[in-house]
Amino acid sequence: MTRPTDGATAVPDRFDQIEALLLRYPEIAETELADLKRWFTKEASAFEVASLSSKDELRQQYRAFRADHIDRLGAVELAAIILGGILSLGAIVFLALGG
């Protein structure tokens, strides 16, 4: 937690906020879920992700969050994989038939 020197109320740092959200996962609001996704995909360093993933009290929520939102392939990724497979198979057949 950051400690202001001007007497203002302390504001938890970003890592602590994310840790608190993840601790409550999946019982979080949509805006909080969007915040978690943004942090994991855009803001977090590898060290920060490793630090969160290594905490025993967060392990279950971390794994569930990753499986539900980070490690899943989206429609665009699946379409690209399928299209790439079809094109590769077509090229192999074309070459096998003497192209």
N, C-alpha and C. Protein backbone atom coordinates (compact mmCIF):
# COMPACT_ATOMS: atom_id res chain seq x y z
N MET A 1 0.84 -1.17 0.00
CA MET A 1 0.00 0.00 0.00
C MET A 1 0.89 1.23 0.00
N THR A 2 0.53 2.22 -0.81
CA THR A 2 1.31 3.43 -0.85
C THR A 2 0.98 4.32 0.33
N ARG A 3 1.94 5.04 0.81
CA ARG A 3 1.75 5.91 1.98
C ARG A 3 1.94 7.36 1.54
N PRO A 4 0.86 8.11 1.44
CA PRO A 4 1.02 9.51 1.06
C PRO A 4 1.67 10.31 2.18
N THR A 5 2.45 11.32 1.79
CA THR A 5 3.12 12.14 2.79
C THR A 5 2.36 13.43 3.08
N ASP A 6 1.29 13.68 2.32
CA ASP A 6 0.54 14.92 2.51
C ASP A 6 -0.66 14.77 3.43
N GLY A 7 -0.81 13.62 4.10
CA GLY A 7 -1.92 13.40 5.01
C GLY A 7 -3.18 12.87 4.34
N ALA A 8 -3.14 12.67 3.02
CA ALA A 8 -4.31 12.15 2.31
C ALA A 8 -4.50 10.68 2.66
N THR A 9 -5.69 10.17 2.35
CA THR A 9 -6.00 8.77 2.60
C THR A 9 -5.13 7.89 1.71
N ALA A 10 -4.62 6.80 2.26
CA ALA A 10 -3.78 5.88 1.49
C ALA A 10 -4.61 5.18 0.42
N VAL A 11 -4.03 5.04 -0.75
CA VAL A 11 -4.69 4.35 -1.86
C VAL A 11 -3.90 3.08 -2.13
N PRO A 12 -4.58 1.93 -2.15
CA PRO A 12 -3.85 0.69 -2.41
C PRO A 12 -3.23 0.72 -3.80
N ASP A 13 -2.06 0.15 -3.94
CA ASP A 13 -1.46 0.14 -5.26
C ASP A 13 -2.17 -0.86 -6.16
N ARG A 14 -1.86 -0.79 -7.42
CA ARG A 14 -2.58 -1.57 -8.44
C ARG A 14 -2.48 -3.07 -8.18
N PHE A 15 -1.32 -3.56 -7.80
CA PHE A 15 -1.15 -4.98 -7.54
C PHE A 15 -2.08 -5.45 -6.42
N ASP A 16 -2.18 -4.66 -5.36
CA ASP A 16 -3.05 -5.01 -4.24
C ASP A 16 -4.52 -5.00 -4.65
N GLN A 17 -4.90 -4.06 -5.50
CA GLN A 17 -6.27 -4.01 -6.00
C GLN A 17 -6.60 -5.27 -6.79
N ILE A 18 -5.70 -5.65 -7.66
CA ILE A 18 -5.92 -6.84 -8.50
C ILE A 18 -5.95 -8.10 -7.63
N GLU A 19 -5.08 -8.16 -6.65
CA GLU A 19 -5.07 -9.30 -5.74
C GLU A 19 -6.40 -9.43 -5.00
N ALA A 20 -6.94 -8.30 -4.54
CA ALA A 20 -8.23 -8.30 -3.84
C ALA A 20 -9.36 -8.73 -4.76
N LEU A 21 -9.34 -8.27 -6.00
CA LEU A 21 -10.37 -8.69 -6.97
C LEU A 21 -10.27 -10.19 -7.24
N LEU A 22 -9.07 -10.65 -7.46
CA LEU A 22 -8.87 -12.06 -7.77
C LEU A 22 -9.28 -12.95 -6.60
N LEU A 23 -9.08 -12.48 -5.40
CA LEU A 23 -9.46 -13.23 -4.21
C LEU A 23 -10.98 -13.44 -4.16
N ARG A 24 -11.74 -12.48 -4.69
CA ARG A 24 -13.20 -12.57 -4.70
C ARG A 24 -13.75 -13.27 -5.95
N TYR A 25 -12.90 -13.51 -6.96
CA TYR A 25 -13.36 -14.13 -8.20
C TYR A 25 -13.97 -15.49 -7.91
N PRO A 26 -15.10 -15.87 -8.52
CA PRO A 26 -15.84 -15.25 -9.62
C PRO A 26 -16.96 -14.31 -9.17
N GLU A 27 -17.05 -14.01 -7.90
CA GLU A 27 -18.11 -13.15 -7.37
C GLU A 27 -17.75 -11.68 -7.51
N ILE A 28 -17.50 -11.23 -8.74
CA ILE A 28 -17.15 -9.84 -8.99
C ILE A 28 -18.06 -9.26 -10.06
N ALA A 29 -18.17 -7.94 -10.07
CA ALA A 29 -19.01 -7.24 -11.05
C ALA A 29 -18.35 -7.27 -12.43
N GLU A 30 -19.14 -7.00 -13.47
CA GLU A 30 -18.63 -6.99 -14.84
C GLU A 30 -17.51 -5.96 -15.01
N THR A 31 -17.65 -4.81 -14.38
CA THR A 31 -16.60 -3.79 -14.50
C THR A 31 -15.31 -4.25 -13.84
N GLU A 32 -15.44 -4.98 -12.74
CA GLU A 32 -14.26 -5.52 -12.07
C GLU A 32 -13.62 -6.62 -12.91
N LEU A 33 -14.45 -7.43 -13.57
CA LEU A 33 -13.93 -8.47 -14.46
C LEU A 33 -13.17 -7.84 -15.61
N ALA A 34 -13.73 -6.78 -16.19
CA ALA A 34 -13.05 -6.08 -17.28
C ALA A 34 -11.71 -5.51 -16.79
N ASP A 35 -11.69 -5.01 -15.56
CA ASP A 35 -10.46 -4.48 -14.98
C ASP A 35 -9.41 -5.59 -14.82
N LEU A 36 -9.83 -6.75 -14.35
CA LEU A 36 -8.91 -7.89 -14.22
C LEU A 36 -8.34 -8.30 -15.57
N LYS A 37 -9.22 -8.40 -16.57
CA LYS A 37 -8.77 -8.79 -17.92
C LYS A 37 -7.76 -7.79 -18.46
N ARG A 38 -8.06 -6.49 -18.32
CA ARG A 38 -7.15 -5.45 -18.81
C ARG A 38 -5.80 -5.54 -18.10
N TRP A 39 -5.83 -5.75 -16.79
CA TRP A 39 -4.57 -5.82 -16.05
C TRP A 39 -3.72 -6.99 -16.53
N PHE A 40 -4.35 -8.17 -16.66
CA PHE A 40 -3.59 -9.36 -17.07
C PHE A 40 -3.09 -9.25 -18.51
N THR A 41 -3.87 -8.66 -19.41
CA THR A 41 -3.48 -8.63 -20.81
C THR A 41 -2.68 -7.40 -21.22
N LYS A 42 -2.81 -6.30 -20.50
CA LYS A 42 -2.17 -5.05 -20.94
C LYS A 42 -1.19 -4.45 -19.94
N GLU A 43 -1.45 -4.59 -18.66
CA GLU A 43 -0.68 -3.84 -17.66
C GLU A 43 0.36 -4.67 -16.91
N ALA A 44 0.06 -5.90 -16.60
CA ALA A 44 0.89 -6.69 -15.69
C ALA A 44 2.21 -7.11 -16.34
N SER A 45 3.25 -7.08 -15.53
CA SER A 45 4.53 -7.63 -15.96
C SER A 45 4.52 -9.14 -15.69
N ALA A 46 5.46 -9.83 -16.28
CA ALA A 46 5.57 -11.27 -16.04
C ALA A 46 5.82 -11.55 -14.56
N PHE A 47 6.61 -10.69 -13.93
CA PHE A 47 6.89 -10.86 -12.51
C PHE A 47 5.63 -10.72 -11.67
N GLU A 48 4.78 -9.74 -12.00
CA GLU A 48 3.54 -9.55 -11.24
C GLU A 48 2.61 -10.74 -11.40
N VAL A 49 2.48 -11.25 -12.62
CA VAL A 49 1.63 -12.41 -12.84
C VAL A 49 2.18 -13.62 -12.09
N ALA A 50 3.48 -13.81 -12.13
CA ALA A 50 4.10 -14.92 -11.41
C ALA A 50 3.89 -14.76 -9.90
N SER A 51 3.98 -13.54 -9.41
CA SER A 51 3.78 -13.30 -7.97
C SER A 51 2.36 -13.66 -7.55
N LEU A 52 1.38 -13.27 -8.36
CA LEU A 52 -0.01 -13.62 -8.03
C LEU A 52 -0.25 -15.12 -8.13
N SER A 53 0.26 -15.72 -9.19
CA SER A 53 -0.01 -17.14 -9.41
C SER A 53 0.65 -18.03 -8.37
N SER A 54 1.67 -17.52 -7.70
CA SER A 54 2.37 -18.35 -6.71
C SER A 54 1.78 -18.25 -5.30
N LYS A 55 0.79 -17.41 -5.13
CA LYS A 55 0.18 -17.26 -3.80
C LYS A 55 -0.84 -18.37 -3.58
N ASP A 56 -0.63 -19.15 -2.53
CA ASP A 56 -1.50 -20.30 -2.25
C ASP A 56 -2.97 -19.91 -2.08
N GLU A 57 -3.22 -18.77 -1.43
CA GLU A 57 -4.61 -18.36 -1.17
C GLU A 57 -5.34 -17.92 -2.44
N LEU A 58 -4.59 -17.67 -3.53
CA LEU A 58 -5.20 -17.24 -4.79
C LEU A 58 -5.19 -18.33 -5.86
N ARG A 59 -4.56 -19.43 -5.59
CA ARG A 59 -4.32 -20.44 -6.64
C ARG A 59 -5.61 -20.89 -7.33
N GLN A 60 -6.64 -21.21 -6.58
CA GLN A 60 -7.89 -21.70 -7.18
C GLN A 60 -8.55 -20.62 -8.03
N GLN A 61 -8.65 -19.41 -7.51
CA GLN A 61 -9.28 -18.32 -8.26
C GLN A 61 -8.44 -17.93 -9.48
N TYR A 62 -7.13 -17.94 -9.33
CA TYR A 62 -6.25 -17.61 -10.45
C TYR A 62 -6.43 -18.61 -11.59
N ARG A 63 -6.43 -19.88 -11.26
CA ARG A 63 -6.59 -20.91 -12.29
C ARG A 63 -7.96 -20.80 -12.98
N ALA A 64 -8.99 -20.57 -12.19
CA ALA A 64 -10.34 -20.43 -12.76
C ALA A 64 -10.42 -19.21 -13.67
N PHE A 65 -9.87 -18.09 -13.22
CA PHE A 65 -9.89 -16.87 -14.04
C PHE A 65 -9.13 -17.08 -15.34
N ARG A 66 -7.93 -17.65 -15.25
CA ARG A 66 -7.14 -17.89 -16.47
C ARG A 66 -7.88 -18.80 -17.44
N ALA A 67 -8.46 -19.88 -16.92
CA ALA A 67 -9.18 -20.81 -17.79
C ALA A 67 -10.41 -20.17 -18.43
N ASP A 68 -11.10 -19.33 -17.68
CA ASP A 68 -12.33 -18.72 -18.17
C ASP A 68 -12.10 -17.54 -19.12
N HIS A 69 -11.01 -16.79 -18.93
CA HIS A 69 -10.90 -15.53 -19.65
C HIS A 69 -9.59 -15.27 -20.38
N ILE A 70 -8.51 -15.83 -19.95
CA ILE A 70 -7.22 -15.49 -20.56
C ILE A 70 -6.75 -16.57 -21.53
N ASP A 71 -6.85 -17.82 -21.14
CA ASP A 71 -6.31 -18.91 -21.96
C ASP A 71 -7.27 -19.41 -23.03
N ARG A 72 -8.50 -18.93 -23.02
CA ARG A 72 -9.47 -19.37 -24.01
C ARG A 72 -9.17 -18.75 -25.37
N LEU A 73 -9.42 -19.53 -26.41
CA LEU A 73 -9.29 -18.99 -27.76
C LEU A 73 -10.61 -18.34 -28.14
N GLY A 74 -10.53 -17.17 -28.71
CA GLY A 74 -11.73 -16.47 -29.16
C GLY A 74 -12.14 -16.94 -30.55
N ALA A 75 -13.25 -16.42 -31.04
CA ALA A 75 -13.77 -16.80 -32.35
C ALA A 75 -12.78 -16.48 -33.47
N VAL A 76 -12.11 -15.34 -33.37
CA VAL A 76 -11.16 -14.95 -34.41
C VAL A 76 -9.98 -15.92 -34.44
N GLU A 77 -9.47 -16.28 -33.26
CA GLU A 77 -8.35 -17.21 -33.21
C GLU A 77 -8.74 -18.59 -33.75
N LEU A 78 -9.93 -19.06 -33.35
CA LEU A 78 -10.38 -20.36 -33.85
C LEU A 78 -10.57 -20.34 -35.36
N ALA A 79 -11.15 -19.27 -35.90
CA ALA A 79 -11.34 -19.15 -37.35
C ALA A 79 -10.00 -19.15 -38.07
N ALA A 80 -9.01 -18.44 -37.52
CA ALA A 80 -7.68 -18.40 -38.13
C ALA A 80 -7.02 -19.78 -38.11
N ILE A 81 -7.18 -20.50 -37.04
CA ILE A 81 -6.61 -21.85 -36.95
C ILE A 81 -7.25 -22.78 -37.97
N ILE A 82 -8.57 -22.73 -38.06
CA ILE A 82 -9.29 -23.59 -39.01
C ILE A 82 -8.91 -23.23 -40.44
N LEU A 83 -8.90 -21.93 -40.76
CA LEU A 83 -8.55 -21.49 -42.11
C LEU A 83 -7.12 -21.89 -42.45
N GLY A 84 -6.20 -21.70 -41.49
CA GLY A 84 -4.81 -22.11 -41.71
C GLY A 84 -4.69 -23.60 -41.95
N GLY A 85 -5.45 -24.39 -41.21
CA GLY A 85 -5.43 -25.84 -41.40
C GLY A 85 -5.95 -26.24 -42.77
N ILE A 86 -7.03 -25.61 -43.20
CA ILE A 86 -7.61 -25.92 -44.51
C ILE A 86 -6.64 -25.53 -45.63
N LEU A 87 -6.03 -24.36 -45.52
CA LEU A 87 -5.07 -23.94 -46.53
C LEU A 87 -3.85 -24.85 -46.56
N SER A 88 -3.37 -25.25 -45.39
CA SER A 88 -2.23 -26.16 -45.34
C SER A 88 -2.56 -27.51 -45.95
N LEU A 89 -3.73 -28.02 -45.62
CA LEU A 89 -4.16 -29.30 -46.19
C LEU A 89 -4.31 -29.19 -47.70
N GLY A 90 -4.87 -28.09 -48.17
CA GLY A 90 -4.99 -27.88 -49.61
C GLY A 90 -3.64 -27.84 -50.31
N ALA A 91 -2.67 -27.17 -49.68
CA ALA A 91 -1.33 -27.10 -50.26
C ALA A 91 -0.68 -28.47 -50.30
N ILE A 92 -0.86 -29.25 -49.26
CA ILE A 92 -0.29 -30.61 -49.22
C ILE A 92 -0.91 -31.48 -50.30
N VAL A 93 -2.21 -31.42 -50.46
CA VAL A 93 -2.90 -32.21 -51.50
C VAL A 93 -2.45 -31.76 -52.88
N PHE A 94 -2.36 -30.46 -53.08
CA PHE A 94 -1.92 -29.92 -54.37
C PHE A 94 -0.52 -30.42 -54.73
N LEU A 95 0.39 -30.38 -53.76
CA LEU A 95 1.76 -30.84 -53.99
C LEU A 95 1.81 -32.35 -54.16
N ALA A 96 1.00 -33.07 -53.44
CA ALA A 96 0.99 -34.54 -53.53
C ALA A 96 0.47 -35.01 -54.89
N LEU A 97 -0.41 -34.25 -55.49
CA LEU A 97 -0.99 -34.62 -56.79
C LEU A 97 -0.14 -34.14 -57.95
N GLY A 98 1.01 -33.60 -57.64
CA GLY A 98 1.94 -33.21 -58.70
C GLY A 98 1.85 -31.77 -59.10
N GLY A 99 1.07 -30.99 -58.40
CA GLY A 99 0.91 -29.55 -58.53
C GLY A 99 1.39 -28.97 -59.74
